[in-house]
N, C-alpha and C. Protein backbone atom coordinates (compact mmCIF):
# COMPACT_ATOMS: atom_id res chain seq x y z
N MET A 1 140.60 112.96 129.31
CA MET A 1 139.17 112.78 129.27
C MET A 1 138.66 113.28 127.92
N SER A 2 137.89 112.44 127.27
CA SER A 2 137.36 112.83 125.96
C SER A 2 135.92 113.28 126.12
N MET A 3 135.58 114.22 125.30
CA MET A 3 134.21 114.75 125.33
C MET A 3 133.45 114.13 124.17
N LYS A 4 132.33 113.56 124.45
CA LYS A 4 131.49 113.02 123.40
C LYS A 4 130.52 114.10 122.95
N THR A 5 130.29 114.12 121.66
CA THR A 5 129.30 115.05 121.14
C THR A 5 127.93 114.49 121.43
N LEU A 6 127.14 115.27 122.07
CA LEU A 6 125.78 114.84 122.38
C LEU A 6 124.84 115.34 121.30
N GLU A 7 124.27 114.39 120.62
CA GLU A 7 123.29 114.72 119.59
C GLU A 7 121.92 114.37 120.12
N PRO A 8 120.92 115.16 119.77
CA PRO A 8 119.58 114.80 120.23
C PRO A 8 119.19 113.46 119.65
N LYS A 9 118.64 112.62 120.47
CA LYS A 9 118.23 111.30 120.03
C LYS A 9 116.94 111.44 119.21
N VAL A 10 116.99 110.93 117.99
CA VAL A 10 115.82 110.98 117.12
C VAL A 10 114.97 109.77 117.45
N LYS A 11 113.78 110.04 117.89
CA LYS A 11 112.87 108.97 118.27
C LYS A 11 112.20 108.41 117.02
N SER A 12 112.30 107.12 116.85
CA SER A 12 111.66 106.47 115.71
C SER A 12 110.14 106.54 115.89
N PRO A 13 109.42 106.92 114.86
CA PRO A 13 107.97 107.00 115.00
C PRO A 13 107.38 105.63 115.26
N ARG A 14 106.41 105.59 116.11
CA ARG A 14 105.75 104.33 116.45
C ARG A 14 104.61 104.08 115.48
N LEU A 15 104.52 102.85 115.09
CA LEU A 15 103.37 102.41 114.29
C LEU A 15 102.38 101.76 115.23
N PRO A 16 101.10 101.85 114.90
CA PRO A 16 100.13 101.08 115.69
C PRO A 16 100.44 99.59 115.54
N PRO A 17 99.96 98.76 116.44
CA PRO A 17 100.18 97.32 116.30
C PRO A 17 99.61 96.81 114.97
N ARG A 18 100.22 95.75 114.47
CA ARG A 18 99.82 95.16 113.18
C ARG A 18 98.33 94.86 113.14
N TRP A 19 97.79 94.30 114.24
CA TRP A 19 96.37 93.95 114.26
C TRP A 19 95.51 95.19 114.07
N PHE A 20 95.95 96.33 114.61
CA PHE A 20 95.17 97.56 114.50
C PHE A 20 95.17 98.07 113.05
N ILE A 21 96.33 98.02 112.41
CA ILE A 21 96.42 98.46 111.01
C ILE A 21 95.50 97.63 110.14
N ARG A 22 95.55 96.31 110.30
CA ARG A 22 94.69 95.41 109.52
C ARG A 22 93.21 95.67 109.85
N PHE A 23 92.90 95.85 111.13
CA PHE A 23 91.54 96.13 111.59
C PHE A 23 91.02 97.42 110.94
N PHE A 24 91.85 98.47 110.93
CA PHE A 24 91.45 99.75 110.36
C PHE A 24 91.09 99.61 108.89
N TRP A 25 92.01 99.01 108.08
CA TRP A 25 91.76 98.93 106.65
C TRP A 25 90.62 97.98 106.32
N LEU A 26 90.47 96.91 107.08
CA LEU A 26 89.37 95.98 106.87
C LEU A 26 88.04 96.69 107.14
N ASN A 27 87.97 97.44 108.22
CA ASN A 27 86.73 98.15 108.54
C ASN A 27 86.50 99.35 107.64
N HIS A 28 87.57 99.93 107.14
CA HIS A 28 87.44 101.00 106.16
C HIS A 28 86.73 100.45 104.92
N ARG A 29 87.19 99.28 104.46
CA ARG A 29 86.56 98.65 103.28
C ARG A 29 85.11 98.27 103.59
N ARG A 30 84.83 97.76 104.80
CA ARG A 30 83.46 97.41 105.18
C ARG A 30 82.56 98.64 105.18
N LEU A 31 83.05 99.75 105.73
CA LEU A 31 82.28 100.99 105.75
C LEU A 31 81.98 101.46 104.33
N TYR A 32 82.98 101.36 103.47
CA TYR A 32 82.80 101.74 102.07
C TYR A 32 81.69 100.90 101.43
N ARG A 33 81.74 99.59 101.66
CA ARG A 33 80.72 98.70 101.10
C ARG A 33 79.34 98.96 101.70
N ALA A 34 79.28 99.10 103.02
CA ALA A 34 78.00 99.28 103.71
C ALA A 34 77.30 100.56 103.27
N THR A 35 78.07 101.60 102.95
CA THR A 35 77.47 102.87 102.53
C THR A 35 77.38 102.97 101.01
N ARG A 36 77.62 101.84 100.34
CA ARG A 36 77.57 101.78 98.87
C ARG A 36 78.44 102.85 98.22
N GLY A 37 79.61 103.05 98.83
CA GLY A 37 80.58 103.98 98.27
C GLY A 37 80.41 105.43 98.65
N HIS A 38 79.47 105.73 99.53
CA HIS A 38 79.25 107.12 99.92
C HIS A 38 80.26 107.59 100.97
N VAL A 39 80.87 106.66 101.71
CA VAL A 39 81.85 106.99 102.73
C VAL A 39 83.06 106.10 102.51
N GLY A 40 84.25 106.66 102.63
CA GLY A 40 85.45 105.85 102.57
C GLY A 40 86.46 106.25 101.53
N LEU A 41 86.06 107.09 100.59
CA LEU A 41 86.99 107.58 99.58
C LEU A 41 87.13 109.09 99.76
N TRP A 42 88.33 109.60 99.55
CA TRP A 42 88.53 111.04 99.59
C TRP A 42 89.69 111.41 98.68
N ARG A 43 89.66 112.67 98.25
CA ARG A 43 90.69 113.19 97.35
C ARG A 43 91.95 113.54 98.14
N PRO A 44 93.10 113.39 97.50
CA PRO A 44 94.32 113.92 98.13
C PRO A 44 94.28 115.46 98.03
N LYS A 45 94.70 116.12 99.09
CA LYS A 45 94.69 117.58 99.09
C LYS A 45 95.98 118.08 99.72
N GLY A 46 96.69 118.93 99.01
CA GLY A 46 97.92 119.50 99.55
C GLY A 46 98.87 118.41 100.00
N ASP A 47 99.19 118.41 101.27
CA ASP A 47 100.11 117.42 101.82
C ASP A 47 99.38 116.29 102.53
N ARG A 48 98.24 115.90 101.99
CA ARG A 48 97.48 114.77 102.55
C ARG A 48 97.14 113.81 101.43
N TRP A 49 97.26 112.53 101.73
CA TRP A 49 96.92 111.53 100.72
C TRP A 49 95.42 111.32 100.69
N GLY A 50 94.96 110.75 99.60
CA GLY A 50 93.56 110.39 99.44
C GLY A 50 93.38 108.90 99.62
N ALA A 51 92.15 108.43 99.51
CA ALA A 51 91.86 106.99 99.61
C ALA A 51 91.08 106.57 98.37
N MET A 52 91.48 105.42 97.82
CA MET A 52 90.81 104.86 96.64
C MET A 52 90.69 103.36 96.82
N CYS A 53 89.83 102.77 96.01
CA CYS A 53 89.63 101.33 96.02
C CYS A 53 90.24 100.76 94.73
N VAL A 54 91.10 99.77 94.88
CA VAL A 54 91.72 99.10 93.73
C VAL A 54 90.98 97.78 93.52
N ILE A 55 90.53 97.55 92.30
CA ILE A 55 89.85 96.31 91.94
C ILE A 55 90.77 95.54 91.00
N ALA A 56 91.32 94.44 91.50
CA ALA A 56 92.27 93.64 90.73
C ALA A 56 91.73 92.23 90.57
N THR A 57 92.37 91.47 89.70
CA THR A 57 92.04 90.07 89.49
C THR A 57 93.02 89.22 90.29
N GLY A 58 92.50 88.30 91.09
CA GLY A 58 93.35 87.42 91.88
C GLY A 58 94.27 86.60 91.00
N ARG A 59 95.53 86.56 91.33
CA ARG A 59 96.51 85.87 90.48
C ARG A 59 96.33 84.36 90.47
N HIS A 60 95.76 83.79 91.53
CA HIS A 60 95.53 82.35 91.58
C HIS A 60 94.08 81.98 91.27
N THR A 61 93.16 82.78 91.78
CA THR A 61 91.74 82.43 91.67
C THR A 61 91.07 83.00 90.44
N GLY A 62 91.60 84.12 89.94
CA GLY A 62 90.95 84.80 88.82
C GLY A 62 89.72 85.59 89.27
N GLU A 63 89.48 85.62 90.58
CA GLU A 63 88.32 86.34 91.12
C GLU A 63 88.67 87.80 91.40
N GLU A 64 87.63 88.62 91.43
CA GLU A 64 87.80 90.04 91.73
C GLU A 64 88.25 90.21 93.18
N ARG A 65 89.26 91.07 93.37
CA ARG A 65 89.76 91.40 94.70
C ARG A 65 89.76 92.91 94.85
N ARG A 66 89.30 93.37 96.00
CA ARG A 66 89.25 94.82 96.27
C ARG A 66 90.09 95.16 97.49
N VAL A 67 90.75 96.29 97.42
CA VAL A 67 91.56 96.76 98.54
C VAL A 67 91.50 98.28 98.55
N MET A 68 91.52 98.84 99.75
CA MET A 68 91.56 100.29 99.91
C MET A 68 93.02 100.69 100.12
N VAL A 69 93.46 101.72 99.41
CA VAL A 69 94.84 102.19 99.55
C VAL A 69 94.87 103.71 99.56
N GLY A 70 95.92 104.25 100.16
CA GLY A 70 96.16 105.68 100.10
C GLY A 70 96.86 106.01 98.79
N TYR A 71 96.67 107.22 98.30
CA TYR A 71 97.28 107.60 97.02
C TYR A 71 97.42 109.11 96.93
N PHE A 72 98.21 109.53 95.94
CA PHE A 72 98.22 110.93 95.53
C PHE A 72 98.22 110.97 94.01
N GLU A 73 97.96 112.13 93.46
CA GLU A 73 97.88 112.28 92.01
C GLU A 73 99.19 112.85 91.47
N ASP A 74 99.63 112.30 90.35
CA ASP A 74 100.81 112.79 89.64
C ASP A 74 100.37 113.00 88.20
N ARG A 75 99.94 114.21 87.92
CA ARG A 75 99.30 114.53 86.64
C ARG A 75 98.08 113.62 86.47
N GLU A 76 98.02 112.82 85.38
CA GLU A 76 96.86 111.96 85.17
C GLU A 76 97.01 110.60 85.86
N ASN A 77 98.15 110.35 86.47
CA ASN A 77 98.41 109.07 87.14
C ASN A 77 98.03 109.12 88.62
N LEU A 78 97.73 107.95 89.16
CA LEU A 78 97.47 107.79 90.59
C LEU A 78 98.64 106.98 91.15
N VAL A 79 99.17 107.40 92.29
CA VAL A 79 100.38 106.79 92.83
C VAL A 79 100.12 106.29 94.25
N THR A 80 100.53 105.05 94.52
CA THR A 80 100.42 104.46 95.84
C THR A 80 101.68 103.67 96.14
N MET A 81 101.76 103.09 97.32
CA MET A 81 102.90 102.26 97.68
C MET A 81 102.44 100.87 98.09
N ALA A 82 103.21 99.87 97.72
CA ALA A 82 102.94 98.48 98.10
C ALA A 82 103.68 98.23 99.42
N MET A 83 103.11 98.76 100.50
CA MET A 83 103.85 98.78 101.77
C MET A 83 103.42 97.73 102.78
N ASN A 84 102.29 97.10 102.60
CA ASN A 84 101.85 96.04 103.51
C ASN A 84 101.80 96.51 104.96
N GLY A 85 101.31 97.70 105.18
CA GLY A 85 101.23 98.24 106.54
C GLY A 85 102.59 98.41 107.18
N TRP A 86 103.60 98.62 106.37
CA TRP A 86 105.00 98.78 106.79
C TRP A 86 105.56 97.51 107.42
N MET A 87 104.93 96.39 107.18
CA MET A 87 105.42 95.12 107.69
C MET A 87 106.14 94.38 106.56
N PRO A 88 106.92 93.36 106.92
CA PRO A 88 107.60 92.57 105.89
C PRO A 88 106.61 91.91 104.94
N GLY A 89 107.09 91.61 103.77
CA GLY A 89 106.26 90.91 102.79
C GLY A 89 105.63 91.85 101.79
N THR A 90 105.28 91.28 100.67
CA THR A 90 104.63 92.03 99.60
C THR A 90 103.13 91.88 99.74
N PRO A 91 102.39 92.99 99.68
CA PRO A 91 100.93 92.87 99.80
C PRO A 91 100.34 92.06 98.65
N ALA A 92 99.32 91.28 98.96
CA ALA A 92 98.68 90.43 97.96
C ALA A 92 98.15 91.25 96.79
N TRP A 93 97.59 92.42 97.06
CA TRP A 93 97.02 93.21 95.98
C TRP A 93 98.10 93.58 94.95
N TRP A 94 99.32 93.84 95.40
CA TRP A 94 100.39 94.21 94.47
C TRP A 94 100.83 93.00 93.65
N LEU A 95 100.87 91.83 94.26
CA LEU A 95 101.17 90.61 93.51
C LEU A 95 100.10 90.37 92.44
N ASN A 96 98.84 90.64 92.80
CA ASN A 96 97.74 90.50 91.83
C ASN A 96 97.89 91.49 90.67
N VAL A 97 98.25 92.72 90.99
CA VAL A 97 98.41 93.73 89.93
C VAL A 97 99.61 93.38 89.04
N GLN A 98 100.66 92.85 89.62
CA GLN A 98 101.80 92.44 88.81
C GLN A 98 101.41 91.32 87.83
N ALA A 99 100.56 90.41 88.30
CA ALA A 99 100.12 89.30 87.44
C ALA A 99 99.10 89.75 86.40
N HIS A 100 98.25 90.68 86.78
CA HIS A 100 97.18 91.20 85.91
C HIS A 100 97.18 92.73 86.02
N PRO A 101 98.05 93.43 85.28
CA PRO A 101 98.21 94.88 85.46
C PRO A 101 97.02 95.75 85.05
N GLU A 102 96.13 95.22 84.23
CA GLU A 102 94.97 96.03 83.84
C GLU A 102 93.91 95.89 84.92
N VAL A 103 93.74 96.95 85.68
CA VAL A 103 92.83 96.96 86.83
C VAL A 103 91.89 98.15 86.74
N GLU A 104 91.00 98.23 87.70
CA GLU A 104 90.13 99.39 87.83
C GLU A 104 90.35 99.98 89.21
N VAL A 105 90.19 101.28 89.31
CA VAL A 105 90.24 101.94 90.61
C VAL A 105 88.99 102.81 90.73
N ILE A 106 88.55 102.96 91.96
CA ILE A 106 87.42 103.84 92.22
C ILE A 106 87.92 104.95 93.12
N THR A 107 87.73 106.18 92.66
CA THR A 107 88.03 107.37 93.45
C THR A 107 86.72 108.11 93.67
N VAL A 108 86.75 109.22 94.38
CA VAL A 108 85.52 109.98 94.57
C VAL A 108 84.96 110.47 93.24
N ASP A 109 85.81 110.50 92.21
CA ASP A 109 85.36 110.93 90.88
C ASP A 109 84.77 109.79 90.06
N GLY A 110 84.80 108.56 90.60
CA GLY A 110 84.22 107.44 89.89
C GLY A 110 85.24 106.38 89.49
N LEU A 111 84.77 105.48 88.64
CA LEU A 111 85.56 104.33 88.20
C LEU A 111 86.54 104.74 87.10
N ARG A 112 87.76 104.25 87.20
CA ARG A 112 88.77 104.49 86.17
C ARG A 112 89.41 103.16 85.78
N LYS A 113 89.61 102.98 84.50
CA LYS A 113 90.35 101.82 84.01
C LYS A 113 91.81 102.25 83.90
N VAL A 114 92.67 101.50 84.57
CA VAL A 114 94.08 101.88 84.64
C VAL A 114 94.96 100.64 84.44
N ARG A 115 96.23 100.91 84.27
CA ARG A 115 97.25 99.86 84.18
C ARG A 115 98.27 100.14 85.27
N GLY A 116 98.54 99.15 86.11
CA GLY A 116 99.47 99.32 87.22
C GLY A 116 100.87 98.86 86.86
N ARG A 117 101.85 99.60 87.35
CA ARG A 117 103.26 99.26 87.14
C ARG A 117 104.08 99.86 88.27
N ALA A 118 105.28 99.33 88.45
CA ALA A 118 106.20 99.88 89.45
C ALA A 118 106.99 101.03 88.84
N ALA A 119 107.23 102.05 89.64
CA ALA A 119 108.08 103.16 89.21
C ALA A 119 109.54 102.75 89.44
N HIS A 120 110.42 103.21 88.56
CA HIS A 120 111.84 102.88 88.67
C HIS A 120 112.68 104.13 88.44
N GLY A 121 113.92 104.07 88.86
CA GLY A 121 114.90 105.11 88.56
C GLY A 121 114.51 106.49 89.03
N GLU A 122 114.68 107.44 88.13
CA GLU A 122 114.41 108.85 88.44
C GLU A 122 112.95 109.09 88.81
N GLU A 123 112.05 108.40 88.10
CA GLU A 123 110.63 108.55 88.41
C GLU A 123 110.34 108.09 89.84
N ARG A 124 110.91 106.95 90.24
CA ARG A 124 110.71 106.44 91.59
C ARG A 124 111.24 107.44 92.63
N ALA A 125 112.44 107.96 92.37
CA ALA A 125 113.03 108.93 93.29
C ALA A 125 112.14 110.17 93.44
N ARG A 126 111.61 110.65 92.33
CA ARG A 126 110.73 111.83 92.35
C ARG A 126 109.44 111.54 93.13
N LEU A 127 108.84 110.37 92.88
CA LEU A 127 107.59 110.03 93.56
C LEU A 127 107.83 109.75 95.05
N TRP A 128 108.97 109.14 95.38
CA TRP A 128 109.32 108.91 96.79
C TRP A 128 109.46 110.25 97.51
N ALA A 129 110.10 111.20 96.85
CA ALA A 129 110.27 112.54 97.44
C ALA A 129 108.91 113.18 97.68
N ARG A 130 107.98 112.99 96.76
CA ARG A 130 106.62 113.54 96.95
C ARG A 130 105.94 112.89 98.15
N TRP A 131 106.06 111.54 98.29
CA TRP A 131 105.49 110.87 99.45
C TRP A 131 106.12 111.39 100.73
N SER A 132 107.42 111.69 100.68
CA SER A 132 108.12 112.22 101.86
C SER A 132 107.55 113.56 102.30
N GLU A 133 107.05 114.33 101.34
CA GLU A 133 106.40 115.60 101.69
C GLU A 133 105.08 115.34 102.41
N ILE A 134 104.40 114.26 102.05
CA ILE A 134 103.12 113.92 102.65
C ILE A 134 103.32 113.26 104.02
N ASP A 135 104.32 112.39 104.11
CA ASP A 135 104.58 111.65 105.35
C ASP A 135 106.03 111.88 105.78
N GLN A 136 106.23 112.70 106.80
CA GLN A 136 107.58 113.05 107.22
C GLN A 136 108.37 111.86 107.77
N HIS A 137 107.71 110.78 108.12
CA HIS A 137 108.38 109.61 108.68
C HIS A 137 108.57 108.49 107.65
N LEU A 138 108.38 108.80 106.38
CA LEU A 138 108.41 107.77 105.33
C LEU A 138 109.68 106.92 105.37
N ASP A 139 110.83 107.54 105.42
CA ASP A 139 112.08 106.78 105.38
C ASP A 139 112.23 105.90 106.62
N GLN A 140 111.80 106.40 107.77
CA GLN A 140 111.89 105.60 108.99
C GLN A 140 110.94 104.40 108.93
N TYR A 141 109.74 104.61 108.42
CA TYR A 141 108.81 103.49 108.28
C TYR A 141 109.35 102.47 107.28
N ALA A 142 109.86 102.96 106.16
CA ALA A 142 110.36 102.07 105.11
C ALA A 142 111.55 101.25 105.59
N SER A 143 112.33 101.78 106.52
CA SER A 143 113.49 101.05 107.02
C SER A 143 113.08 99.81 107.82
N ARG A 144 111.83 99.71 108.19
CA ARG A 144 111.34 98.52 108.91
C ARG A 144 111.14 97.34 107.97
N ARG A 145 111.09 97.61 106.69
CA ARG A 145 110.85 96.56 105.70
C ARG A 145 112.18 96.11 105.10
N HIS A 146 112.21 94.86 104.68
CA HIS A 146 113.39 94.34 103.99
C HIS A 146 113.25 94.67 102.52
N GLY A 147 114.26 95.26 101.96
CA GLY A 147 114.22 95.59 100.55
C GLY A 147 113.45 96.87 100.28
N GLU A 148 113.30 97.14 99.01
CA GLU A 148 112.68 98.38 98.56
C GLU A 148 111.16 98.26 98.52
N THR A 149 110.49 99.29 98.98
CA THR A 149 109.03 99.34 98.91
C THR A 149 108.64 99.83 97.52
N ALA A 150 107.84 99.06 96.84
CA ALA A 150 107.43 99.43 95.47
C ALA A 150 106.52 100.64 95.49
N ILE A 151 106.80 101.56 94.59
CA ILE A 151 105.89 102.67 94.34
C ILE A 151 105.11 102.27 93.10
N VAL A 152 103.80 102.23 93.24
CA VAL A 152 102.93 101.74 92.18
C VAL A 152 102.26 102.92 91.48
N VAL A 153 102.36 102.94 90.17
CA VAL A 153 101.77 103.99 89.35
C VAL A 153 100.62 103.37 88.57
N PHE A 154 99.46 103.98 88.69
CA PHE A 154 98.29 103.56 87.91
C PHE A 154 98.09 104.60 86.80
N GLU A 155 98.30 104.15 85.57
CA GLU A 155 98.18 105.02 84.40
C GLU A 155 96.86 104.76 83.70
N PRO A 156 96.21 105.81 83.17
CA PRO A 156 94.97 105.60 82.43
C PRO A 156 95.20 104.69 81.23
N ARG A 157 94.20 103.88 80.91
CA ARG A 157 94.31 103.03 79.71
C ARG A 157 93.12 103.27 78.81
């Protein structure tokens, strides 16, 4: 008779349904607009991310596109992830930034002109580790996506 080692089963964190994630961010943006920017943005603090608005140019239309994203600060840079609510596919805002990297972001401190780019190599590893400190389930959420989730760095211009 062989004895199996019993390891505690690690429960994968549950994500809200896709419709709820989309509903939340859509209404977050609506609240931000309705209050003329008085509600909806916050600073990252300690092990909590902040919220900012990214204003990009549509890659096909050339029209202004706005999206609310979570972020943290890395010195003078702002860092977010192109995660699409942890679902498959690349978010449209990231495709827009790749096509037109000079964008604007709005934080609680006001409008900033920035240039967006993907982090690579050692920088990506360092920034991923920082996100892991903020979100203990980061690796489990990321495993739901095919391929690597882009870490987006917005640098002042």
